[in-house]
N, C-alpha and C. Protein backbone atom coordinates (compact mmCIF):
# COMPACT_ATOMS: atom_id res chain seq x y z
N MET A 1 0.91 -1.13 0.08
CA MET A 1 -0.24 0.12 0.03
C MET A 1 0.80 1.39 0.01
N ALA A 2 0.68 2.26 -0.84
CA ALA A 2 1.14 3.40 -1.48
C ALA A 2 1.20 4.25 0.06
N GLU A 3 2.30 4.83 0.75
CA GLU A 3 2.23 5.66 1.61
C GLU A 3 1.84 6.99 1.39
N HIS A 4 1.06 7.71 2.66
CA HIS A 4 0.38 9.05 2.18
C HIS A 4 1.24 9.99 2.04
N ASP A 5 0.98 10.44 1.13
CA ASP A 5 1.81 12.18 1.10
C ASP A 5 1.35 12.91 2.06
N GLU A 6 2.77 13.74 2.73
CA GLU A 6 2.88 14.61 4.01
C GLU A 6 1.74 15.80 4.09
N ASN A 7 1.47 15.91 2.93
CA ASN A 7 0.70 17.29 2.47
C ASN A 7 -0.82 16.68 2.76
N VAL A 8 -1.22 15.54 2.57
CA VAL A 8 -2.69 14.87 2.55
C VAL A 8 -2.87 14.73 3.90
N VAL A 9 -4.07 15.43 4.73
CA VAL A 9 -4.67 15.67 6.05
C VAL A 9 -5.85 15.69 5.96
N TRP A 10 -6.33 14.26 7.01
CA TRP A 10 -7.51 13.80 7.22
C TRP A 10 -8.41 15.12 7.86
N HIS A 11 -9.58 15.69 7.23
CA HIS A 11 -10.34 16.82 7.93
C HIS A 11 -11.41 16.20 8.44
N ALA A 12 -11.71 16.42 9.80
CA ALA A 12 -12.99 16.22 10.55
C ALA A 12 -13.90 16.66 9.98
N HIS A 13 -15.73 16.04 9.98
CA HIS A 13 -16.58 16.59 9.44
C HIS A 13 -17.36 17.50 10.16
N PRO A 14 -18.04 18.60 9.92
CA PRO A 14 -18.61 19.27 10.87
C PRO A 14 -20.11 18.46 11.32
N VAL A 15 -20.52 17.55 10.60
CA VAL A 15 -21.68 16.78 11.02
C VAL A 15 -21.23 15.34 11.41
N THR A 16 -21.31 14.95 12.62
CA THR A 16 -20.73 13.82 13.02
C THR A 16 -21.69 12.45 12.53
N VAL A 17 -20.90 11.30 13.26
CA VAL A 17 -21.69 9.94 12.47
C VAL A 17 -22.73 9.95 13.46
N GLU A 18 -22.80 10.35 14.88
CA GLU A 18 -23.78 9.95 15.79
C GLU A 18 -25.35 10.84 15.04
N GLN A 19 -25.04 12.26 14.38
CA GLN A 19 -25.93 13.10 13.50
C GLN A 19 -26.22 12.53 12.75
N ARG A 20 -25.76 11.60 12.16
CA ARG A 20 -26.09 11.34 10.70
C ARG A 20 -27.27 10.21 11.15
N GLU A 21 -26.18 9.15 12.00
CA GLU A 21 -27.31 8.06 12.49
C GLU A 21 -28.66 8.60 13.25
N LYS A 22 -28.73 9.49 13.71
CA LYS A 22 -29.79 9.96 14.36
C LYS A 22 -30.88 10.65 13.15
N LEU A 23 -30.52 11.45 12.33
CA LEU A 23 -31.25 11.45 10.89
C LEU A 23 -31.79 10.37 10.31
N HIS A 24 -30.66 9.18 10.38
CA HIS A 24 -31.35 7.83 9.47
C HIS A 24 -32.56 7.06 10.61
N GLN A 25 -32.13 7.34 11.86
CA GLN A 25 -32.95 6.76 12.95
C GLN A 25 -32.20 5.24 13.03
N HIS A 26 -31.03 4.95 12.88
CA HIS A 26 -30.90 3.81 12.96
C HIS A 26 -29.08 4.17 12.63
N ARG A 27 -28.27 2.78 13.17
CA ARG A 27 -26.79 3.03 13.17
C ARG A 27 -26.15 2.47 11.99
N GLY A 28 -25.22 3.02 11.57
CA GLY A 28 -24.59 2.77 10.34
C GLY A 28 -23.83 1.06 10.72
N ALA A 29 -23.68 0.34 9.66
CA ALA A 29 -23.25 -0.83 9.97
C ALA A 29 -22.86 -1.49 8.50
N VAL A 30 -21.86 -2.87 8.44
CA VAL A 30 -21.59 -3.16 7.12
C VAL A 30 -22.08 -4.47 7.30
N LEU A 31 -22.76 -5.19 6.75
CA LEU A 31 -22.92 -6.56 6.90
C LEU A 31 -22.13 -7.45 5.91
N TRP A 32 -21.09 -7.76 6.17
CA TRP A 32 -20.16 -8.64 5.55
C TRP A 32 -20.74 -9.93 5.03
N PHE A 33 -21.48 -10.29 3.73
CA PHE A 33 -21.56 -11.79 3.32
C PHE A 33 -20.52 -12.40 2.59
N THR A 34 -20.31 -13.66 3.10
CA THR A 34 -19.27 -14.28 2.74
C THR A 34 -19.45 -15.35 2.54
N GLY A 35 -18.94 -16.29 1.22
CA GLY A 35 -19.62 -17.68 1.24
C GLY A 35 -18.63 -18.02 -0.17
N LEU A 36 -18.85 -19.49 -0.35
CA LEU A 36 -18.59 -19.65 -2.10
C LEU A 36 -19.37 -19.37 -3.07
N SER A 37 -18.99 -19.05 -4.12
CA SER A 37 -19.65 -19.00 -5.35
C SER A 37 -20.85 -19.61 -5.52
N GLY A 38 -21.77 -19.06 -5.91
CA GLY A 38 -23.31 -19.99 -5.47
C GLY A 38 -24.22 -20.31 -4.36
N SER A 39 -23.42 -19.84 -3.32
CA SER A 39 -23.96 -20.51 -2.07
C SER A 39 -24.93 -19.04 -1.63
N GLY A 40 -25.41 -18.54 -2.31
CA GLY A 40 -26.50 -17.55 -2.27
C GLY A 40 -26.42 -16.14 -1.49
N LYS A 41 -25.34 -15.81 -1.54
CA LYS A 41 -24.71 -14.21 -0.79
C LYS A 41 -25.42 -13.24 -1.51
N SER A 42 -25.52 -13.18 -2.22
CA SER A 42 -26.26 -12.23 -3.22
C SER A 42 -27.56 -12.08 -3.17
N THR A 43 -28.12 -13.49 -3.23
CA THR A 43 -29.81 -13.54 -3.43
C THR A 43 -30.15 -13.04 -1.84
N ILE A 44 -29.42 -13.57 -0.81
CA ILE A 44 -29.68 -13.22 0.66
C ILE A 44 -29.27 -11.74 0.78
N ALA A 45 -28.33 -11.10 0.31
CA ALA A 45 -27.83 -9.89 0.72
C ALA A 45 -29.19 -9.16 0.17
N GLY A 46 -29.35 -9.26 -0.95
CA GLY A 46 -30.83 -8.60 -2.04
C GLY A 46 -32.14 -8.82 -1.30
N ALA A 47 -32.28 -9.73 -0.63
CA ALA A 47 -33.41 -10.08 -0.17
C ALA A 47 -33.77 -9.49 1.20
N LEU A 48 -32.35 -9.20 1.95
CA LEU A 48 -32.70 -7.97 3.43
C LEU A 48 -32.37 -6.81 2.75
N GLU A 49 -32.02 -6.60 1.90
CA GLU A 49 -32.15 -4.90 1.72
C GLU A 49 -33.58 -4.96 1.15
N GLU A 50 -34.16 -5.54 0.77
CA GLU A 50 -35.36 -5.21 0.48
C GLU A 50 -36.42 -5.17 1.49
N ALA A 51 -35.89 -6.15 2.29
CA ALA A 51 -36.62 -6.09 3.87
C ALA A 51 -36.43 -4.75 4.61
N LEU A 52 -35.43 -4.48 4.73
CA LEU A 52 -34.86 -3.30 5.26
C LEU A 52 -35.57 -2.23 4.93
N HIS A 53 -35.62 -1.92 3.48
CA HIS A 53 -36.11 -0.93 2.82
C HIS A 53 -37.67 -0.73 3.14
N LYS A 54 -38.34 -1.73 3.16
CA LYS A 54 -39.89 -1.75 3.74
C LYS A 54 -39.62 -1.69 5.18
N LEU A 55 -38.81 -1.64 5.88
CA LEU A 55 -38.55 -1.07 7.39
C LEU A 55 -38.47 0.53 7.17
N GLY A 56 -37.94 1.13 6.43
CA GLY A 56 -37.85 2.46 6.42
C GLY A 56 -36.16 2.65 6.69
N VAL A 57 -35.10 1.60 6.71
CA VAL A 57 -33.53 1.76 6.77
C VAL A 57 -32.94 1.91 5.53
N SER A 58 -32.10 3.29 5.91
CA SER A 58 -31.24 3.60 4.39
C SER A 58 -30.07 2.20 4.30
N THR A 59 -30.28 1.69 2.86
CA THR A 59 -29.20 0.72 2.62
C THR A 59 -28.55 1.01 1.31
N TYR A 60 -27.40 0.40 1.15
CA TYR A 60 -27.07 0.11 0.04
C TYR A 60 -26.21 -1.11 -0.07
N LEU A 61 -26.28 -1.74 -1.39
CA LEU A 61 -25.87 -3.15 -1.31
C LEU A 61 -24.55 -2.96 -2.79
N LEU A 62 -23.43 -3.40 -1.70
CA LEU A 62 -22.33 -3.57 -3.14
C LEU A 62 -22.21 -5.06 -3.26
N ASP A 63 -22.22 -5.37 -4.72
CA ASP A 63 -21.94 -6.74 -5.10
C ASP A 63 -20.74 -6.81 -5.62
N GLY A 64 -20.45 -8.23 -5.40
CA GLY A 64 -19.04 -8.37 -6.20
C GLY A 64 -18.78 -8.23 -7.62
N ASP A 65 -19.92 -8.88 -8.26
CA ASP A 65 -19.53 -8.16 -10.01
C ASP A 65 -20.00 -6.78 -10.27
N ASN A 66 -20.95 -6.16 -9.67
CA ASN A 66 -20.81 -4.87 -10.15
C ASN A 66 -19.85 -3.82 -9.85
N VAL A 67 -18.89 -4.17 -8.80
CA VAL A 67 -17.95 -3.36 -8.07
C VAL A 67 -17.12 -3.61 -9.57
N ARG A 68 -16.68 -4.86 -10.08
CA ARG A 68 -16.07 -4.87 -10.84
C ARG A 68 -16.06 -4.32 -12.55
N HIS A 69 -17.08 -3.70 -12.72
CA HIS A 69 -17.66 -3.11 -13.55
C HIS A 69 -17.26 -1.49 -13.29
N GLY A 70 -16.81 -1.10 -12.40
CA GLY A 70 -16.12 0.09 -12.13
C GLY A 70 -15.04 0.28 -10.94
N LEU A 71 -15.85 0.36 -10.04
CA LEU A 71 -14.45 0.58 -8.92
C LEU A 71 -13.39 -0.31 -9.09
N CYS A 72 -13.69 -1.37 -9.25
CA CYS A 72 -12.50 -2.09 -9.60
C CYS A 72 -12.51 -2.99 -10.88
N SER A 73 -12.50 -2.22 -11.73
CA SER A 73 -12.69 -2.96 -13.27
C SER A 73 -11.15 -3.02 -13.70
N ASP A 74 -10.24 -2.40 -13.05
CA ASP A 74 -8.83 -2.59 -13.46
C ASP A 74 -8.08 -3.78 -12.88
N LEU A 75 -8.93 -4.47 -12.01
CA LEU A 75 -8.43 -5.45 -11.11
C LEU A 75 -8.62 -6.86 -11.68
N GLY A 76 -7.83 -7.64 -11.75
CA GLY A 76 -7.95 -9.33 -12.06
C GLY A 76 -8.20 -10.25 -10.98
N PHE A 77 -7.86 -11.46 -10.69
CA PHE A 77 -8.43 -12.46 -9.76
C PHE A 77 -7.04 -12.95 -9.30
N SER A 78 -6.07 -12.63 -9.62
CA SER A 78 -4.61 -12.93 -8.82
C SER A 78 -4.78 -12.73 -7.32
N ASP A 79 -4.14 -13.33 -6.09
CA ASP A 79 -4.19 -12.88 -4.82
C ASP A 79 -4.13 -11.76 -4.53
N ALA A 80 -3.12 -10.70 -5.42
CA ALA A 80 -2.95 -9.63 -4.69
C ALA A 80 -4.11 -8.70 -5.47
N ASP A 81 -4.66 -9.00 -6.57
CA ASP A 81 -5.76 -8.08 -7.32
C ASP A 81 -7.06 -8.59 -6.26
N ARG A 82 -7.10 -9.49 -5.87
CA ARG A 82 -8.37 -9.83 -5.04
C ARG A 82 -8.10 -9.10 -3.60
N LYS A 83 -7.10 -9.09 -2.94
CA LYS A 83 -7.19 -8.18 -1.84
C LYS A 83 -7.27 -7.08 -2.13
N GLU A 84 -6.70 -6.27 -3.17
CA GLU A 84 -7.13 -4.99 -3.02
C GLU A 84 -8.44 -4.71 -3.71
N ASN A 85 -9.11 -5.38 -4.35
CA ASN A 85 -10.64 -5.66 -4.69
C ASN A 85 -11.16 -5.25 -3.26
N ILE A 86 -10.95 -6.39 -2.21
CA ILE A 86 -11.93 -6.46 -0.84
C ILE A 86 -11.66 -5.14 -0.14
N ARG A 87 -10.13 -4.44 -0.52
CA ARG A 87 -9.73 -3.34 0.37
C ARG A 87 -10.27 -2.07 -0.11
N ARG A 88 -10.60 -1.97 -1.32
CA ARG A 88 -11.20 -0.97 -1.96
C ARG A 88 -13.15 -0.65 -1.59
N VAL A 89 -13.46 -2.31 -1.60
CA VAL A 89 -14.74 -2.15 -1.09
C VAL A 89 -14.37 -1.91 0.26
N GLY A 90 -14.01 -2.41 1.48
CA GLY A 90 -13.94 -2.19 2.73
C GLY A 90 -13.97 -0.53 2.85
N GLU A 91 -13.04 0.15 2.28
CA GLU A 91 -12.97 1.23 2.28
C GLU A 91 -14.26 2.03 1.99
N VAL A 92 -14.64 1.66 1.03
CA VAL A 92 -16.13 2.30 0.57
C VAL A 92 -17.13 1.91 1.58
N ALA A 93 -17.20 0.91 1.98
CA ALA A 93 -18.16 0.22 2.86
C ALA A 93 -18.17 1.13 4.22
N ARG A 94 -16.89 1.17 4.58
CA ARG A 94 -16.70 2.16 5.90
C ARG A 94 -17.30 3.66 5.36
N LEU A 95 -16.97 4.08 4.52
CA LEU A 95 -17.36 5.54 4.20
C LEU A 95 -19.16 5.58 4.34
N MET A 96 -19.51 4.65 3.66
CA MET A 96 -21.11 4.42 3.90
C MET A 96 -21.78 4.27 5.06
N ALA A 97 -21.07 3.56 5.84
CA ALA A 97 -21.56 3.20 7.10
C ALA A 97 -21.48 4.67 7.93
N ASP A 98 -19.97 5.26 7.88
CA ASP A 98 -20.15 6.66 8.49
C ASP A 98 -21.48 7.44 7.97
N ALA A 99 -21.57 7.34 6.98
CA ALA A 99 -22.96 8.34 6.44
C ALA A 99 -24.27 7.34 7.08
N GLY A 100 -23.96 6.76 8.11
CA GLY A 100 -25.48 6.27 8.48
C GLY A 100 -26.15 5.14 7.91
N LEU A 101 -25.68 4.46 6.73
CA LEU A 101 -26.16 3.57 5.90
C LEU A 101 -26.01 2.33 6.54
N VAL A 102 -26.93 1.06 6.40
CA VAL A 102 -26.49 -0.34 6.61
C VAL A 102 -26.34 -0.53 5.42
N VAL A 103 -24.60 -1.11 5.54
CA VAL A 103 -24.31 -1.35 3.82
C VAL A 103 -24.55 -3.11 3.94
N LEU A 104 -24.88 -3.46 2.78
CA LEU A 104 -24.67 -5.13 2.54
C LEU A 104 -23.54 -5.10 1.74
N THR A 105 -22.54 -6.28 1.79
CA THR A 105 -21.82 -6.66 0.79
C THR A 105 -21.94 -8.32 0.43
N ALA A 106 -21.46 -8.31 -1.26
CA ALA A 106 -21.50 -9.45 -1.05
C ALA A 106 -20.64 -10.23 -1.95
N PHE A 107 -19.27 -10.72 -0.99
CA PHE A 107 -18.14 -11.12 -1.81
C PHE A 107 -17.91 -12.61 -1.30
N ILE A 108 -17.10 -13.50 -2.11
CA ILE A 108 -16.55 -14.57 -2.09
C ILE A 108 -15.56 -14.24 -0.62
N SER A 109 -14.68 -13.18 -0.49
CA SER A 109 -13.73 -12.61 0.41
C SER A 109 -13.09 -14.03 0.87
N PRO A 110 -12.50 -14.85 0.12
CA PRO A 110 -12.00 -16.41 0.66
C PRO A 110 -11.26 -16.69 1.83
N HIS A 111 -10.43 -15.16 2.15
CA HIS A 111 -9.08 -15.21 3.22
C HIS A 111 -9.55 -14.46 4.45
N ARG A 112 -9.37 -15.36 5.86
CA ARG A 112 -9.67 -14.46 6.65
C ARG A 112 -8.75 -12.90 7.00
N ALA A 113 -7.84 -13.03 6.42
CA ALA A 113 -7.09 -12.26 6.88
C ALA A 113 -7.47 -10.63 5.99
N GLU A 114 -7.94 -11.01 5.12
CA GLU A 114 -8.79 -9.80 4.52
C GLU A 114 -9.96 -9.51 4.75
N ARG A 115 -10.65 -10.17 5.44
CA ARG A 115 -12.06 -9.78 6.00
C ARG A 115 -12.00 -9.34 7.25
N GLN A 116 -10.61 -9.63 8.11
CA GLN A 116 -10.34 -9.44 9.28
C GLN A 116 -9.54 -7.74 9.23
N MET A 117 -9.02 -7.35 7.85
CA MET A 117 -8.71 -6.20 7.53
C MET A 117 -9.64 -5.23 7.49
N VAL A 118 -11.02 -5.53 6.80
CA VAL A 118 -12.09 -4.58 6.65
C VAL A 118 -12.80 -4.95 8.07
N ARG A 119 -13.05 -5.91 9.18
CA ARG A 119 -13.36 -5.60 10.36
C ARG A 119 -12.54 -4.48 10.94
N GLU A 120 -11.46 -4.32 10.82
CA GLU A 120 -10.83 -3.61 11.46
C GLU A 120 -10.89 -2.18 11.18
N LEU A 121 -10.88 -2.20 9.61
CA LEU A 121 -10.92 -0.75 9.02
C LEU A 121 -12.77 -0.23 9.55
N VAL A 122 -13.61 -0.95 9.70
CA VAL A 122 -15.21 -0.79 10.15
C VAL A 122 -14.98 -0.16 11.35
N GLY A 123 -14.53 -1.48 12.19
CA GLY A 123 -14.65 -0.94 13.62
C GLY A 123 -15.35 -2.09 14.20
N GLU A 124 -15.24 -2.55 15.75
CA GLU A 124 -16.17 -3.49 16.08
C GLU A 124 -17.43 -3.21 16.45
N GLY A 125 -18.07 -3.77 16.38
CA GLY A 125 -19.63 -3.30 16.93
C GLY A 125 -20.40 -2.75 15.39
N ARG A 126 -19.89 -2.53 14.43
CA ARG A 126 -20.54 -1.75 13.21
C ARG A 126 -20.28 -3.04 11.81
N PHE A 127 -19.09 -4.30 12.39
CA PHE A 127 -19.04 -4.99 11.09
C PHE A 127 -19.95 -6.12 11.41
N ILE A 128 -20.72 -6.75 10.61
CA ILE A 128 -21.06 -8.24 11.09
C ILE A 128 -21.04 -9.34 9.84
N GLU A 129 -19.99 -10.07 10.19
CA GLU A 129 -19.76 -10.87 9.31
C GLU A 129 -20.98 -12.03 9.08
N VAL A 130 -21.17 -12.52 7.99
CA VAL A 130 -22.57 -13.37 7.90
C VAL A 130 -22.09 -14.31 7.18
N PHE A 131 -21.93 -15.34 7.60
CA PHE A 131 -21.07 -16.81 6.52
C PHE A 131 -22.08 -17.35 6.15
N VAL A 132 -22.22 -17.24 4.60
CA VAL A 132 -23.45 -18.21 4.15
C VAL A 132 -23.04 -19.38 3.66
N ASP A 133 -23.03 -20.61 4.48
CA ASP A 133 -22.31 -21.64 4.50
C ASP A 133 -23.04 -23.01 3.91
N THR A 134 -22.55 -22.80 2.62
CA THR A 134 -23.43 -23.68 1.52
C THR A 134 -22.37 -24.95 1.23
N PRO A 135 -22.94 -26.20 1.40
CA PRO A 135 -21.74 -27.15 0.68
C PRO A 135 -21.39 -26.91 -0.72
N LEU A 136 -20.30 -27.17 -0.89
CA LEU A 136 -19.78 -27.23 -2.35
C LEU A 136 -20.27 -27.62 -3.49
N SER A 137 -20.66 -29.10 -2.73
CA SER A 137 -21.94 -29.79 -4.19
C SER A 137 -22.95 -29.06 -4.35
N ILE A 138 -23.45 -28.46 -3.42
CA ILE A 138 -25.11 -27.71 -3.78
C ILE A 138 -24.55 -26.26 -4.26
N CYS A 139 -23.55 -26.07 -3.72
CA CYS A 139 -23.07 -24.54 -5.17
C CYS A 139 -22.69 -24.91 -6.59
N GLU A 140 -21.79 -26.00 -6.32
CA GLU A 140 -21.75 -26.45 -7.59
C GLU A 140 -22.86 -27.08 -8.32
N ALA A 141 -23.58 -27.59 -8.02
CA ALA A 141 -24.88 -27.93 -8.61
C ALA A 141 -25.90 -26.41 -8.98
N ARG A 142 -25.90 -25.53 -8.26
CA ARG A 142 -26.38 -24.56 -8.85
C ARG A 142 -25.76 -23.79 -9.74
N ASP A 143 -24.60 -23.45 -9.91
CA ASP A 143 -23.96 -23.20 -10.99
C ASP A 143 -24.37 -22.04 -11.93
N PRO A 144 -24.92 -20.65 -11.27
CA PRO A 144 -25.48 -20.41 -11.82
C PRO A 144 -25.02 -19.50 -13.18
N LYS A 145 -23.82 -19.26 -12.78
CA LYS A 145 -23.05 -18.41 -13.89
C LYS A 145 -21.95 -19.38 -14.73
N GLY A 146 -22.30 -20.79 -14.75
CA GLY A 146 -21.52 -21.92 -15.53
C GLY A 146 -19.91 -21.86 -14.85
N LEU A 147 -19.82 -21.26 -13.84
CA LEU A 147 -18.23 -21.04 -13.24
C LEU A 147 -17.61 -22.37 -12.76
N TYR A 148 -18.39 -23.06 -12.40
CA TYR A 148 -17.93 -24.26 -11.60
C TYR A 148 -17.65 -25.25 -12.70
N LYS A 149 -18.45 -25.45 -14.02
CA LYS A 149 -18.37 -26.13 -15.03
C LYS A 149 -17.01 -25.75 -15.47
N LYS A 150 -16.93 -24.14 -16.00
CA LYS A 150 -15.48 -23.91 -16.54
C LYS A 150 -13.97 -24.35 -15.86
N ALA A 151 -14.48 -24.17 -14.38
CA ALA A 151 -13.36 -24.23 -13.62
C ALA A 151 -12.62 -25.92 -13.43
N ARG A 152 -14.26 -26.92 -13.67
CA ARG A 152 -13.27 -28.25 -13.77
C ARG A 152 -13.20 -28.61 -15.10
N ALA A 153 -13.48 -27.89 -16.15
CA ALA A 153 -12.81 -27.96 -17.40
C ALA A 153 -11.44 -27.18 -17.67
N GLY A 154 -10.86 -26.69 -16.59
CA GLY A 154 -9.49 -26.27 -16.44
C GLY A 154 -9.71 -24.66 -17.61
N GLU A 155 -10.85 -24.40 -17.94
CA GLU A 155 -10.74 -23.36 -18.48
C GLU A 155 -10.83 -21.97 -17.59
N LEU A 156 -11.18 -22.16 -16.09
CA LEU A 156 -11.21 -21.11 -15.41
C LEU A 156 -10.12 -21.47 -14.29
N ARG A 157 -9.21 -20.65 -14.30
CA ARG A 157 -7.93 -21.05 -13.03
C ARG A 157 -7.85 -20.12 -11.97
N ASN A 158 -7.69 -20.78 -10.52
CA ASN A 158 -7.67 -19.93 -9.37
C ASN A 158 -9.05 -19.71 -9.00
N PHE A 159 -10.21 -20.61 -9.12
CA PHE A 159 -11.22 -20.22 -9.07
C PHE A 159 -11.66 -21.06 -7.66
N THR A 160 -12.04 -19.90 -6.34
CA THR A 160 -12.53 -20.73 -5.39
C THR A 160 -13.33 -21.71 -4.92
N GLY A 161 -12.73 -22.73 -4.07
CA GLY A 161 -13.41 -24.03 -3.87
C GLY A 161 -13.12 -25.35 -4.58
N ILE A 162 -12.47 -25.01 -5.85
CA ILE A 162 -11.65 -25.78 -6.71
C ILE A 162 -10.01 -25.81 -6.52
N ASP A 163 -9.61 -24.94 -7.22
CA ASP A 163 -8.38 -24.78 -7.19
C ASP A 163 -7.70 -23.91 -6.68
N SER A 164 -8.34 -22.88 -5.83
CA SER A 164 -7.89 -22.06 -4.77
C SER A 164 -8.66 -22.09 -3.52
N VAL A 165 -8.03 -21.74 -2.34
CA VAL A 165 -8.58 -22.37 -0.88
C VAL A 165 -9.88 -21.27 -0.74
N TYR A 166 -10.73 -22.00 -0.12
CA TYR A 166 -11.67 -20.58 0.86
C TYR A 166 -11.69 -21.09 2.39
N GLU A 167 -11.29 -20.10 3.06
CA GLU A 167 -11.09 -20.12 4.50
C GLU A 167 -11.97 -19.85 5.19
N ALA A 168 -13.25 -20.85 5.81
CA ALA A 168 -14.21 -20.45 6.60
C ALA A 168 -14.31 -19.34 7.49
N PRO A 169 -15.18 -18.57 7.80
CA PRO A 169 -15.00 -18.18 9.16
C PRO A 169 -14.59 -18.88 10.32
N GLU A 170 -14.18 -18.40 11.30
CA GLU A 170 -14.07 -19.13 12.73
C GLU A 170 -15.36 -18.73 13.62
N ASN A 171 -15.59 -17.01 13.29
CA ASN A 171 -16.51 -17.12 14.73
C ASN A 171 -17.11 -15.91 13.78
N PRO A 172 -17.85 -16.12 12.76
CA PRO A 172 -18.62 -14.91 12.40
C PRO A 172 -20.07 -14.41 13.21
N GLU A 173 -20.47 -13.38 13.20
CA GLU A 173 -21.31 -12.78 14.00
C GLU A 173 -22.53 -13.66 13.58
N ILE A 174 -22.93 -14.11 12.48
CA ILE A 174 -23.90 -15.27 12.24
C ILE A 174 -23.56 -16.12 11.04
N HIS A 175 -23.87 -17.54 11.66
CA HIS A 175 -23.66 -18.50 10.30
C HIS A 175 -25.14 -19.30 9.98
N LEU A 176 -24.98 -18.66 8.53
CA LEU A 176 -26.33 -19.21 7.99
C LEU A 176 -26.08 -20.55 6.96
N GLY A 177 -27.10 -21.29 7.19
CA GLY A 177 -27.13 -22.46 6.33
C GLY A 177 -27.84 -22.30 4.94
N GLY A 178 -26.68 -22.25 4.12
CA GLY A 178 -27.61 -21.38 2.34
C GLY A 178 -28.39 -22.44 2.09
N GLU A 179 -28.99 -23.86 2.33
CA GLU A 179 -29.71 -24.58 2.04
C GLU A 179 -31.22 -24.22 2.32
N GLN A 180 -31.20 -23.44 3.43
CA GLN A 180 -32.51 -22.91 4.29
C GLN A 180 -33.35 -21.82 3.34
N LEU A 181 -34.79 -21.79 3.71
CA LEU A 181 -35.29 -20.71 2.78
C LEU A 181 -35.14 -19.37 2.81
N VAL A 182 -35.13 -18.83 2.09
CA VAL A 182 -34.60 -17.41 2.37
C VAL A 182 -35.46 -16.59 3.37
N THR A 183 -36.61 -16.80 3.07
CA THR A 183 -37.25 -15.80 4.10
C THR A 183 -36.84 -16.58 5.56
N ASN A 184 -36.43 -17.80 6.10
CA ASN A 184 -35.87 -18.15 7.09
C ASN A 184 -34.51 -17.16 7.67
N LEU A 185 -33.81 -17.08 6.63
CA LEU A 185 -32.59 -16.54 6.70
C LEU A 185 -32.43 -15.16 6.87
N ILE A 186 -33.54 -14.37 6.07
CA ILE A 186 -34.00 -12.93 6.37
C ILE A 186 -34.49 -12.64 7.76
N ALA A 187 -35.31 -13.56 8.04
CA ALA A 187 -35.87 -13.45 9.96
C ALA A 187 -34.45 -13.37 10.77
N GLN A 188 -33.60 -14.53 10.37
CA GLN A 188 -32.83 -14.69 11.60
C GLN A 188 -31.55 -13.32 11.42
N LEU A 189 -31.42 -12.98 10.04
CA LEU A 189 -30.41 -11.65 9.90
C LEU A 189 -31.46 -10.11 10.77
N LEU A 190 -32.50 -10.22 10.52
CA LEU A 190 -33.08 -9.39 11.19
C LEU A 190 -33.39 -9.26 12.75
N ASP A 191 -33.44 -10.47 12.94
CA ASP A 191 -33.17 -10.83 14.65
C ASP A 191 -31.87 -10.27 15.57
N LEU A 192 -31.30 -10.53 14.73
CA LEU A 192 -29.52 -10.02 14.67
C LEU A 192 -29.34 -8.47 14.75
N LEU A 193 -30.06 -7.74 13.84
CA LEU A 193 -29.66 -6.37 13.87
C LEU A 193 -30.48 -5.73 14.84
N ARG A 194 -31.74 -6.55 15.24
CA ARG A 194 -32.40 -5.90 16.52
C ARG A 194 -31.73 -6.10 17.55
N ARG A 195 -31.02 -7.28 17.55
CA ARG A 195 -30.69 -7.53 19.01
C ARG A 195 -29.19 -6.87 19.15
N ASP A 196 -28.69 -6.70 18.12
CA ASP A 196 -27.19 -5.39 18.16
C ASP A 196 -27.62 -4.05 18.17
N VAL A 197 -28.81 -3.89 17.96
CA VAL A 197 -29.54 -2.56 18.05
C VAL A 197 -28.83 -1.49 16.68
N ILE A 198 -28.95 -2.27 15.48
CA ILE A 198 -28.44 -1.54 14.71
C ILE A 198 -29.69 -0.74 14.01
N ILE A 199 -30.54 -1.77 13.89
CA ILE A 199 -32.16 -1.25 13.64
C ILE A 199 -33.29 -1.48 15.04
N LYS A 200 -34.09 -0.34 14.80
CA LYS A 200 -35.26 -0.32 16.02
C LYS A 200 -36.43 -0.64 15.42
N THR A 201 -36.53 -1.19 14.26
CA THR A 201 -38.16 -1.30 13.72
C THR A 201 -38.22 -2.92 13.58
């Protein structure tokens, strides 16, 4: 990571995080969905955003494929590029949480060290690791983008779960069984957000 120029100074905002959260009537937070490709991360995150929107919660969903169309369009899938992808998303998610939003992210983010990096960036109490734990066999059977088929055929290298490791979370804030009905999973997530006093509704 490049060092900061000595002339680049952090400026404090006149409006505080607490004031922004009061305006939104809920706390800012980052829900970091992690799991294998095809585990259901994006589907669950999208359904949760819909549920939160209906409750009047200000949200934003950062999806792995979407950010690679813009913010991270210059990155590939090497270990270094994947790490930088997660770092950039973590920085954006932190800024959005500071703005008082409930940010939902859906990224494989296979390495514990990178997820820990984002946790430290966002801060304890505002970072919620959501492990969507779906067996590889089910993810591969779903294969919505045909990626597993390409990986098995040798057409796609460094694919997580096939020839690249996925380090499962050891102590996530919530552990979801990806085979369950989405409605059940959303209920579990809303219960967690209420318990942690992220939302009050």
